[in-house]
Structures are given as C-alpha cells and as structure tokens.
Amino acid sequence: MLCLPSGVDVPGSPFTLRVAGVPDASKVRVYGPGIEHGVLATFQSRFICDTRGAGAGQLTVRVRGPKGAFRVEMRRESQKDRTILCKFDPTEPGDYRVEVKWAGEHVPGSPFMVMIFDTQEELNRFLQGSHSPNSELYGSVAYSTGYAHITP
C-alpha cells in the first residue's frame, strides 16, 4: 500500500504488512496417545496440536496431575510449522487434566482427562467401568501444574 500524506513519501515506505485471520480455536485438532488413558510403564505422553487454519494465536498447554509427576515440553519442526509436538513425563499413576487453548479459548475436546494406571489390569477394569475416578485406586488428589505456551 502506498500512502502519501500531503503528497510526501513516508520514510521507509512502502511497508509490507502480513494480515492474519481471526483466531478460531474450533479449527485446532489435538490427537495422539498422550491424551488417552494408559499404563505408566508404557505410557506414551506425546500428542500433536495441529493449528493449521486456526488463524493467528498462541497455543497454551497446561497439564495438571499428581504432584511432581510431569514436565511439559512443546516443539515444532520449523518456525513456519503449524503442527506442534507436545509431551509431558508422568512419573506416577493418577488422573491428569490436559488443557489445550488457542488464543485463550479451549480447543475441541479440551480439557482432556487422562487416567494413568500402574497395571494393564487396572486400566482394563477402568475401561470396563468397574471404578469411578473418586475411588482410592487413583491416589493423591494434590495437583501441581505444568505450563507451556508457544506462538506459531
């Protein structure tokens, strides 16, 4: 765009502007084993946040779980990549809450409730509906928070 106030060139003009779409959290897709129930010894905590088509915004991931049980990591392959690999490292069984937000709004499915068990048998019983999340099987209710954000 050429702008000439009073017919005089503005120093440094013309300027190149990047126009981005309005943020739309509903367009973000989250998938992978890290948002599914599992067994601690074999749990794969990685998941993907695909922000393509979601407009401009900041991805925020917060994981809450048993105290001291995790660390949150986020990375993308390149600066222009709109697909972000997320990972947390649980060290004990329990219930985890994975919140994913785009531009401050929850994405579809968020928060994700993830139950991590000591044994496959406990997981199978849970999946068959034998236990409620309030049973003693889940241990401590104290939570700590892991928090990370990235702006694609």
N, C-alpha and C. Protein backbone atom coordinates (compact mmCIF):
# COMPACT_ATOMS: atom_id res chain seq x y z
N MET A 1 0.85 -1.16 0.00
CA MET A 1 0.00 0.00 0.00
C MET A 1 0.90 1.23 0.00
N LEU A 2 0.59 2.17 -0.82
CA LEU A 2 1.36 3.41 -0.89
C LEU A 2 0.54 4.51 -0.23
N CYS A 3 1.16 5.17 0.74
CA CYS A 3 0.46 6.22 1.48
C CYS A 3 1.30 7.49 1.39
N LEU A 4 0.70 8.53 0.85
CA LEU A 4 1.42 9.78 0.69
C LEU A 4 0.68 10.89 1.43
N PRO A 5 1.02 11.12 2.72
CA PRO A 5 0.38 12.22 3.43
C PRO A 5 0.89 13.54 2.85
N SER A 6 -0.02 14.38 2.45
CA SER A 6 0.30 15.68 1.85
C SER A 6 1.21 15.53 0.64
N GLY A 7 1.13 14.33 -0.03
CA GLY A 7 1.89 14.12 -1.24
C GLY A 7 3.37 13.87 -1.01
N VAL A 8 3.81 13.63 0.26
CA VAL A 8 5.22 13.42 0.57
C VAL A 8 5.43 11.95 0.96
N ASP A 9 6.49 11.33 0.40
CA ASP A 9 6.81 9.94 0.77
C ASP A 9 7.09 9.83 2.25
N VAL A 10 6.60 8.74 2.87
CA VAL A 10 6.91 8.43 4.26
C VAL A 10 8.22 7.65 4.26
N PRO A 11 9.20 8.06 5.07
CA PRO A 11 10.49 7.35 5.09
C PRO A 11 10.30 5.86 5.36
N GLY A 12 10.97 5.04 4.56
CA GLY A 12 10.90 3.59 4.72
C GLY A 12 9.75 2.95 3.97
N SER A 13 8.87 3.75 3.36
CA SER A 13 7.73 3.18 2.65
C SER A 13 8.16 2.77 1.24
N PRO A 14 7.45 1.88 0.62
CA PRO A 14 6.21 1.24 1.08
C PRO A 14 6.52 0.15 2.12
N PHE A 15 5.54 -0.13 2.98
CA PHE A 15 5.68 -1.12 4.03
C PHE A 15 4.93 -2.39 3.62
N THR A 16 5.51 -3.54 3.97
CA THR A 16 4.86 -4.82 3.73
C THR A 16 4.20 -5.26 5.03
N LEU A 17 2.91 -5.55 4.97
CA LEU A 17 2.18 -5.99 6.15
C LEU A 17 1.69 -7.40 5.95
N ARG A 18 1.75 -8.19 7.01
CA ARG A 18 1.19 -9.53 6.97
C ARG A 18 -0.16 -9.48 7.68
N VAL A 19 -1.18 -9.91 7.00
CA VAL A 19 -2.52 -9.91 7.57
C VAL A 19 -2.89 -11.36 7.88
N ALA A 20 -3.21 -11.63 9.15
CA ALA A 20 -3.57 -12.98 9.57
C ALA A 20 -5.05 -13.03 9.91
N GLY A 21 -5.59 -14.24 9.79
CA GLY A 21 -7.00 -14.42 10.09
C GLY A 21 -7.28 -14.33 11.58
N VAL A 22 -8.55 -14.15 11.91
CA VAL A 22 -9.00 -14.10 13.29
C VAL A 22 -8.80 -15.47 13.92
N PRO A 23 -8.35 -15.53 15.18
CA PRO A 23 -8.14 -16.84 15.82
C PRO A 23 -9.45 -17.63 15.91
N ASP A 24 -9.38 -18.92 15.63
CA ASP A 24 -10.54 -19.80 15.71
C ASP A 24 -10.13 -21.12 16.36
N ALA A 25 -10.31 -21.20 17.67
CA ALA A 25 -9.90 -22.39 18.43
C ALA A 25 -10.60 -23.66 17.94
N SER A 26 -11.76 -23.53 17.35
CA SER A 26 -12.51 -24.71 16.89
C SER A 26 -11.80 -25.43 15.74
N LYS A 27 -10.83 -24.78 15.11
CA LYS A 27 -10.10 -25.38 13.99
C LYS A 27 -8.87 -26.18 14.43
N VAL A 28 -8.48 -26.07 15.71
CA VAL A 28 -7.30 -26.78 16.20
C VAL A 28 -7.67 -28.24 16.45
N ARG A 29 -6.82 -29.15 15.96
CA ARG A 29 -7.01 -30.59 16.17
C ARG A 29 -5.93 -31.09 17.12
N VAL A 30 -6.33 -31.87 18.12
CA VAL A 30 -5.39 -32.45 19.08
C VAL A 30 -5.55 -33.97 19.01
N TYR A 31 -4.44 -34.68 18.82
CA TYR A 31 -4.52 -36.13 18.71
C TYR A 31 -3.21 -36.77 19.14
N GLY A 32 -3.26 -38.05 19.50
CA GLY A 32 -2.08 -38.80 19.89
C GLY A 32 -2.28 -39.54 21.20
N PRO A 33 -1.36 -40.44 21.53
CA PRO A 33 -1.51 -41.28 22.72
C PRO A 33 -1.47 -40.51 24.04
N GLY A 34 -0.90 -39.32 24.07
CA GLY A 34 -0.77 -38.56 25.31
C GLY A 34 -2.08 -38.01 25.85
N ILE A 35 -3.16 -38.10 25.08
CA ILE A 35 -4.47 -37.66 25.59
C ILE A 35 -5.40 -38.86 25.75
N GLU A 36 -4.82 -40.06 25.82
CA GLU A 36 -5.58 -41.28 26.02
C GLU A 36 -5.13 -41.94 27.32
N HIS A 37 -6.01 -42.74 27.93
CA HIS A 37 -5.67 -43.46 29.16
C HIS A 37 -4.55 -44.45 28.87
N GLY A 38 -3.75 -44.78 29.92
CA GLY A 38 -2.66 -45.72 29.70
C GLY A 38 -2.08 -46.27 30.98
N VAL A 39 -1.01 -47.06 30.81
CA VAL A 39 -0.27 -47.69 31.90
C VAL A 39 1.07 -46.98 32.02
N LEU A 40 1.45 -46.61 33.24
CA LEU A 40 2.63 -45.78 33.48
C LEU A 40 3.89 -46.33 32.79
N ALA A 41 4.16 -47.61 32.93
CA ALA A 41 5.41 -48.18 32.40
C ALA A 41 5.51 -48.07 30.88
N THR A 42 4.38 -48.03 30.19
CA THR A 42 4.40 -48.00 28.73
C THR A 42 3.72 -46.75 28.16
N PHE A 43 3.40 -45.79 29.02
CA PHE A 43 2.65 -44.62 28.59
C PHE A 43 3.46 -43.76 27.62
N GLN A 44 2.84 -43.44 26.48
CA GLN A 44 3.45 -42.55 25.50
C GLN A 44 2.73 -41.21 25.62
N SER A 45 3.42 -40.24 26.20
CA SER A 45 2.76 -38.99 26.57
C SER A 45 2.73 -37.94 25.47
N ARG A 46 3.18 -38.27 24.29
CA ARG A 46 3.22 -37.27 23.22
C ARG A 46 1.84 -37.11 22.58
N PHE A 47 1.57 -35.90 22.14
CA PHE A 47 0.38 -35.62 21.35
C PHE A 47 0.66 -34.44 20.45
N ILE A 48 -0.14 -34.31 19.40
CA ILE A 48 0.05 -33.30 18.38
C ILE A 48 -1.07 -32.26 18.48
N CYS A 49 -0.70 -30.99 18.35
CA CYS A 49 -1.67 -29.91 18.22
C CYS A 49 -1.48 -29.32 16.83
N ASP A 50 -2.48 -29.51 15.99
CA ASP A 50 -2.43 -29.02 14.61
C ASP A 50 -3.23 -27.73 14.55
N THR A 51 -2.53 -26.61 14.36
CA THR A 51 -3.18 -25.29 14.38
C THR A 51 -3.43 -24.73 12.98
N ARG A 52 -3.21 -25.55 11.95
CA ARG A 52 -3.43 -25.08 10.58
C ARG A 52 -4.89 -24.66 10.41
N GLY A 53 -5.11 -23.48 9.83
CA GLY A 53 -6.44 -22.98 9.58
C GLY A 53 -7.08 -22.30 10.78
N ALA A 54 -6.36 -22.21 11.91
CA ALA A 54 -6.93 -21.63 13.13
C ALA A 54 -6.65 -20.14 13.26
N GLY A 55 -6.04 -19.53 12.25
CA GLY A 55 -5.74 -18.10 12.32
C GLY A 55 -4.57 -17.81 13.24
N ALA A 56 -4.38 -16.54 13.53
CA ALA A 56 -3.28 -16.12 14.40
C ALA A 56 -3.65 -16.44 15.84
N GLY A 57 -2.66 -16.81 16.64
CA GLY A 57 -2.95 -17.09 18.04
C GLY A 57 -1.76 -17.72 18.74
N GLN A 58 -1.95 -17.96 20.01
CA GLN A 58 -0.91 -18.57 20.83
C GLN A 58 -1.46 -19.88 21.38
N LEU A 59 -0.67 -20.95 21.24
CA LEU A 59 -1.05 -22.24 21.79
C LEU A 59 -0.57 -22.33 23.22
N THR A 60 -1.48 -22.67 24.12
CA THR A 60 -1.15 -22.84 25.53
C THR A 60 -1.55 -24.24 25.95
N VAL A 61 -0.62 -24.96 26.57
CA VAL A 61 -0.89 -26.31 27.06
C VAL A 61 -0.57 -26.33 28.55
N ARG A 62 -1.53 -26.81 29.33
CA ARG A 62 -1.32 -26.93 30.77
C ARG A 62 -1.73 -28.34 31.18
N VAL A 63 -0.87 -29.00 31.96
CA VAL A 63 -1.15 -30.35 32.44
C VAL A 63 -1.18 -30.32 33.95
N ARG A 64 -2.24 -30.83 34.53
CA ARG A 64 -2.35 -30.95 35.98
C ARG A 64 -2.42 -32.42 36.32
N GLY A 65 -1.68 -32.83 37.34
CA GLY A 65 -1.68 -34.24 37.75
C GLY A 65 -1.12 -34.37 39.15
N PRO A 66 -0.86 -35.60 39.57
CA PRO A 66 -0.30 -35.81 40.90
C PRO A 66 0.99 -35.00 41.07
N LYS A 67 1.19 -34.47 42.22
CA LYS A 67 2.30 -33.55 42.49
C LYS A 67 3.65 -34.10 42.02
N GLY A 68 4.36 -33.29 41.28
CA GLY A 68 5.70 -33.64 40.81
C GLY A 68 5.74 -34.74 39.77
N ALA A 69 4.64 -35.00 39.10
CA ALA A 69 4.56 -36.17 38.24
C ALA A 69 4.85 -35.91 36.76
N PHE A 70 5.21 -34.71 36.37
CA PHE A 70 5.35 -34.44 34.95
C PHE A 70 6.17 -33.20 34.66
N ARG A 71 6.48 -33.05 33.39
CA ARG A 71 7.11 -31.85 32.84
C ARG A 71 6.48 -31.65 31.47
N VAL A 72 6.21 -30.42 31.07
CA VAL A 72 5.58 -30.14 29.78
C VAL A 72 6.62 -29.64 28.80
N GLU A 73 6.64 -30.22 27.60
CA GLU A 73 7.54 -29.77 26.53
C GLU A 73 6.71 -29.53 25.28
N MET A 74 7.11 -28.53 24.50
CA MET A 74 6.46 -28.26 23.22
C MET A 74 7.53 -27.90 22.20
N ARG A 75 7.38 -28.44 20.99
CA ARG A 75 8.33 -28.07 19.94
C ARG A 75 7.68 -28.23 18.57
N ARG A 76 8.22 -27.51 17.63
CA ARG A 76 7.80 -27.63 16.24
C ARG A 76 9.04 -27.76 15.38
N GLU A 77 8.86 -28.33 14.22
CA GLU A 77 10.00 -28.60 13.34
C GLU A 77 10.63 -27.33 12.79
N SER A 78 9.81 -26.32 12.47
CA SER A 78 10.35 -25.07 11.93
C SER A 78 9.47 -23.92 12.39
N GLN A 79 9.95 -22.71 12.23
CA GLN A 79 9.22 -21.52 12.64
C GLN A 79 7.87 -21.40 11.94
N LYS A 80 7.79 -21.90 10.71
CA LYS A 80 6.54 -21.77 9.95
C LYS A 80 5.60 -22.95 10.16
N ASP A 81 6.06 -23.96 10.89
CA ASP A 81 5.25 -25.16 11.11
C ASP A 81 4.08 -24.87 12.04
N ARG A 82 2.89 -25.24 11.63
CA ARG A 82 1.68 -25.01 12.43
C ARG A 82 1.26 -26.26 13.19
N THR A 83 2.12 -27.30 13.19
CA THR A 83 1.87 -28.53 13.91
C THR A 83 2.90 -28.63 15.03
N ILE A 84 2.41 -28.71 16.27
CA ILE A 84 3.29 -28.67 17.43
C ILE A 84 3.24 -30.00 18.16
N LEU A 85 4.42 -30.58 18.44
CA LEU A 85 4.52 -31.81 19.21
C LEU A 85 4.58 -31.43 20.69
N CYS A 86 3.69 -32.00 21.48
CA CYS A 86 3.65 -31.73 22.92
C CYS A 86 3.93 -33.01 23.67
N LYS A 87 4.51 -32.89 24.86
CA LYS A 87 4.86 -34.07 25.64
C LYS A 87 4.94 -33.70 27.11
N PHE A 88 4.46 -34.60 27.96
CA PHE A 88 4.66 -34.46 29.40
C PHE A 88 5.13 -35.81 29.92
N ASP A 89 5.89 -35.81 31.01
CA ASP A 89 6.51 -37.03 31.51
C ASP A 89 5.99 -37.40 32.89
N PRO A 90 4.86 -38.12 32.94
CA PRO A 90 4.33 -38.53 34.24
C PRO A 90 5.25 -39.56 34.90
N THR A 91 5.41 -39.45 36.20
CA THR A 91 6.28 -40.38 36.93
C THR A 91 5.49 -41.21 37.93
N GLU A 92 4.19 -40.97 38.01
CA GLU A 92 3.35 -41.75 38.92
C GLU A 92 1.95 -41.86 38.35
N PRO A 93 1.24 -42.92 38.75
CA PRO A 93 -0.13 -43.09 38.26
C PRO A 93 -1.05 -42.04 38.86
N GLY A 94 -2.18 -41.84 38.23
CA GLY A 94 -3.16 -40.88 38.73
C GLY A 94 -3.95 -40.28 37.60
N ASP A 95 -4.76 -39.29 37.94
CA ASP A 95 -5.54 -38.64 36.90
C ASP A 95 -4.87 -37.32 36.52
N TYR A 96 -4.83 -37.09 35.23
CA TYR A 96 -4.18 -35.92 34.65
C TYR A 96 -5.21 -35.16 33.83
N ARG A 97 -5.12 -33.86 33.90
CA ARG A 97 -6.01 -32.99 33.13
C ARG A 97 -5.13 -32.20 32.16
N VAL A 98 -5.35 -32.41 30.87
CA VAL A 98 -4.57 -31.75 29.83
C VAL A 98 -5.45 -30.67 29.20
N GLU A 99 -5.09 -29.42 29.42
CA GLU A 99 -5.83 -28.29 28.85
C GLU A 99 -5.06 -27.74 27.66
N VAL A 100 -5.75 -27.59 26.55
CA VAL A 100 -5.14 -27.03 25.35
C VAL A 100 -6.00 -25.84 24.92
N LYS A 101 -5.36 -24.68 24.81
CA LYS A 101 -6.09 -23.47 24.40
C LYS A 101 -5.39 -22.81 23.22
N TRP A 102 -6.20 -22.21 22.36
CA TRP A 102 -5.70 -21.42 21.24
C TRP A 102 -6.25 -20.00 21.42
N ALA A 103 -5.36 -19.03 21.51
CA ALA A 103 -5.75 -17.63 21.71
C ALA A 103 -6.67 -17.50 22.93
N GLY A 104 -6.37 -18.27 23.98
CA GLY A 104 -7.12 -18.19 25.23
C GLY A 104 -8.40 -18.99 25.30
N GLU A 105 -8.77 -19.67 24.21
CA GLU A 105 -10.01 -20.45 24.17
C GLU A 105 -9.69 -21.94 24.10
N HIS A 106 -10.46 -22.76 24.84
CA HIS A 106 -10.28 -24.21 24.77
C HIS A 106 -10.52 -24.69 23.35
N VAL A 107 -9.70 -25.64 22.92
CA VAL A 107 -9.88 -26.27 21.61
C VAL A 107 -10.85 -27.43 21.78
N PRO A 108 -11.40 -27.98 20.68
CA PRO A 108 -12.34 -29.09 20.81
C PRO A 108 -11.76 -30.26 21.60
N GLY A 109 -12.52 -30.74 22.58
CA GLY A 109 -12.10 -31.87 23.42
C GLY A 109 -11.39 -31.46 24.70
N SER A 110 -10.90 -30.24 24.77
CA SER A 110 -10.17 -29.76 25.94
C SER A 110 -11.15 -29.30 27.02
N PRO A 111 -10.87 -29.61 28.27
CA PRO A 111 -9.72 -30.35 28.78
C PRO A 111 -9.88 -31.86 28.56
N PHE A 112 -8.74 -32.51 28.33
CA PHE A 112 -8.69 -33.96 28.14
C PHE A 112 -8.38 -34.59 29.49
N MET A 113 -9.20 -35.53 29.93
CA MET A 113 -8.97 -36.22 31.20
C MET A 113 -8.25 -37.53 30.88
N VAL A 114 -7.03 -37.69 31.41
CA VAL A 114 -6.20 -38.85 31.11
C VAL A 114 -5.92 -39.59 32.42
N MET A 115 -6.28 -40.86 32.45
CA MET A 115 -6.03 -41.70 33.62
C MET A 115 -4.82 -42.58 33.33
N ILE A 116 -3.84 -42.55 34.24
CA ILE A 116 -2.65 -43.38 34.09
C ILE A 116 -2.62 -44.36 35.27
N PHE A 117 -2.46 -45.63 34.95
CA PHE A 117 -2.55 -46.71 35.94
C PHE A 117 -1.21 -47.40 36.11
N ASP A 118 -1.07 -48.12 37.23
CA ASP A 118 0.13 -48.93 37.49
C ASP A 118 0.18 -50.17 36.61
N THR A 119 -0.98 -50.79 36.39
CA THR A 119 -1.00 -52.06 35.66
C THR A 119 -2.03 -52.05 34.54
N GLN A 120 -1.84 -52.95 33.58
CA GLN A 120 -2.79 -53.12 32.49
C GLN A 120 -4.14 -53.59 33.03
N GLU A 121 -4.10 -54.41 34.08
CA GLU A 121 -5.34 -54.91 34.69
C GLU A 121 -6.18 -53.76 35.25
N GLU A 122 -5.54 -52.80 35.91
CA GLU A 122 -6.26 -51.64 36.43
C GLU A 122 -6.86 -50.82 35.31
N LEU A 123 -6.09 -50.62 34.24
CA LEU A 123 -6.60 -49.89 33.08
C LEU A 123 -7.80 -50.61 32.48
N ASN A 124 -7.70 -51.93 32.31
CA ASN A 124 -8.81 -52.70 31.73
C ASN A 124 -10.07 -52.59 32.59
N ARG A 125 -9.91 -52.67 33.92
CA ARG A 125 -11.07 -52.53 34.81
C ARG A 125 -11.70 -51.14 34.66
N PHE A 126 -10.85 -50.12 34.57
CA PHE A 126 -11.35 -48.76 34.38
C PHE A 126 -12.12 -48.64 33.07
N LEU A 127 -11.54 -49.16 31.99
CA LEU A 127 -12.17 -49.06 30.69
C LEU A 127 -13.49 -49.83 30.64
N GLN A 128 -13.61 -50.85 31.48
CA GLN A 128 -14.86 -51.62 31.54
C GLN A 128 -15.86 -50.99 32.50
N GLY A 129 -15.49 -49.89 33.14
CA GLY A 129 -16.41 -49.17 34.00
C GLY A 129 -16.48 -49.68 35.41
N SER A 130 -15.48 -50.44 35.88
CA SER A 130 -15.52 -51.03 37.22
C SER A 130 -15.18 -50.04 38.32
N HIS A 131 -14.51 -48.94 37.99
CA HIS A 131 -14.08 -47.99 39.00
C HIS A 131 -14.48 -46.58 38.60
N SER A 132 -14.79 -45.78 39.58
CA SER A 132 -15.06 -44.37 39.32
C SER A 132 -13.80 -43.57 39.63
N PRO A 133 -13.63 -42.40 39.05
CA PRO A 133 -12.44 -41.60 39.31
C PRO A 133 -12.27 -41.22 40.78
N ASN A 134 -13.30 -41.36 41.61
CA ASN A 134 -13.18 -40.98 43.01
C ASN A 134 -12.73 -42.13 43.91
N SER A 135 -12.49 -43.32 43.36
CA SER A 135 -12.08 -44.45 44.19
C SER A 135 -10.65 -44.29 44.65
N GLU A 136 -10.26 -45.07 45.66
CA GLU A 136 -8.90 -44.96 46.21
C GLU A 136 -7.84 -45.42 45.24
N LEU A 137 -8.22 -46.08 44.16
CA LEU A 137 -7.29 -46.54 43.15
C LEU A 137 -6.45 -45.41 42.58
N TYR A 138 -6.97 -44.19 42.59
CA TYR A 138 -6.32 -43.07 41.92
C TYR A 138 -5.37 -42.29 42.80
N GLY A 139 -5.27 -42.60 44.08
CA GLY A 139 -4.27 -41.99 44.95
C GLY A 139 -4.53 -40.53 45.27
N SER A 140 -3.47 -39.78 45.38
CA SER A 140 -3.50 -38.40 45.86
C SER A 140 -4.35 -37.48 45.00
N VAL A 141 -4.99 -36.51 45.65
CA VAL A 141 -5.75 -35.52 44.91
C VAL A 141 -5.01 -34.18 44.86
N ALA A 142 -3.78 -34.15 45.37
CA ALA A 142 -2.99 -32.93 45.30
C ALA A 142 -2.50 -32.76 43.86
N TYR A 143 -2.58 -31.55 43.35
CA TYR A 143 -2.20 -31.30 41.96
C TYR A 143 -1.08 -30.27 41.90
N SER A 144 -0.24 -30.45 40.90
CA SER A 144 0.70 -29.40 40.54
C SER A 144 0.41 -29.07 39.09
N THR A 145 0.97 -28.01 38.60
CA THR A 145 0.65 -27.57 37.25
C THR A 145 1.91 -27.43 36.42
N GLY A 146 1.90 -28.05 35.26
CA GLY A 146 2.94 -27.83 34.26
C GLY A 146 2.34 -26.92 33.22
N TYR A 147 3.10 -25.97 32.72
CA TYR A 147 2.53 -24.96 31.86
C TYR A 147 3.53 -24.60 30.78
N ALA A 148 3.05 -24.53 29.56
CA ALA A 148 3.92 -24.09 28.46
C ALA A 148 3.05 -23.45 27.40
N HIS A 149 3.64 -22.56 26.63
CA HIS A 149 2.91 -21.98 25.51
C HIS A 149 3.88 -21.69 24.38
N ILE A 150 3.31 -21.62 23.20
CA ILE A 150 4.12 -21.37 22.01
C ILE A 150 3.27 -20.56 21.04
N THR A 151 3.88 -19.66 20.33
CA THR A 151 3.19 -18.88 19.33
C THR A 151 3.72 -19.28 17.96
N PRO A 152 2.88 -19.98 17.16
CA PRO A 152 3.36 -20.37 15.82
C PRO A 152 3.50 -19.17 14.90
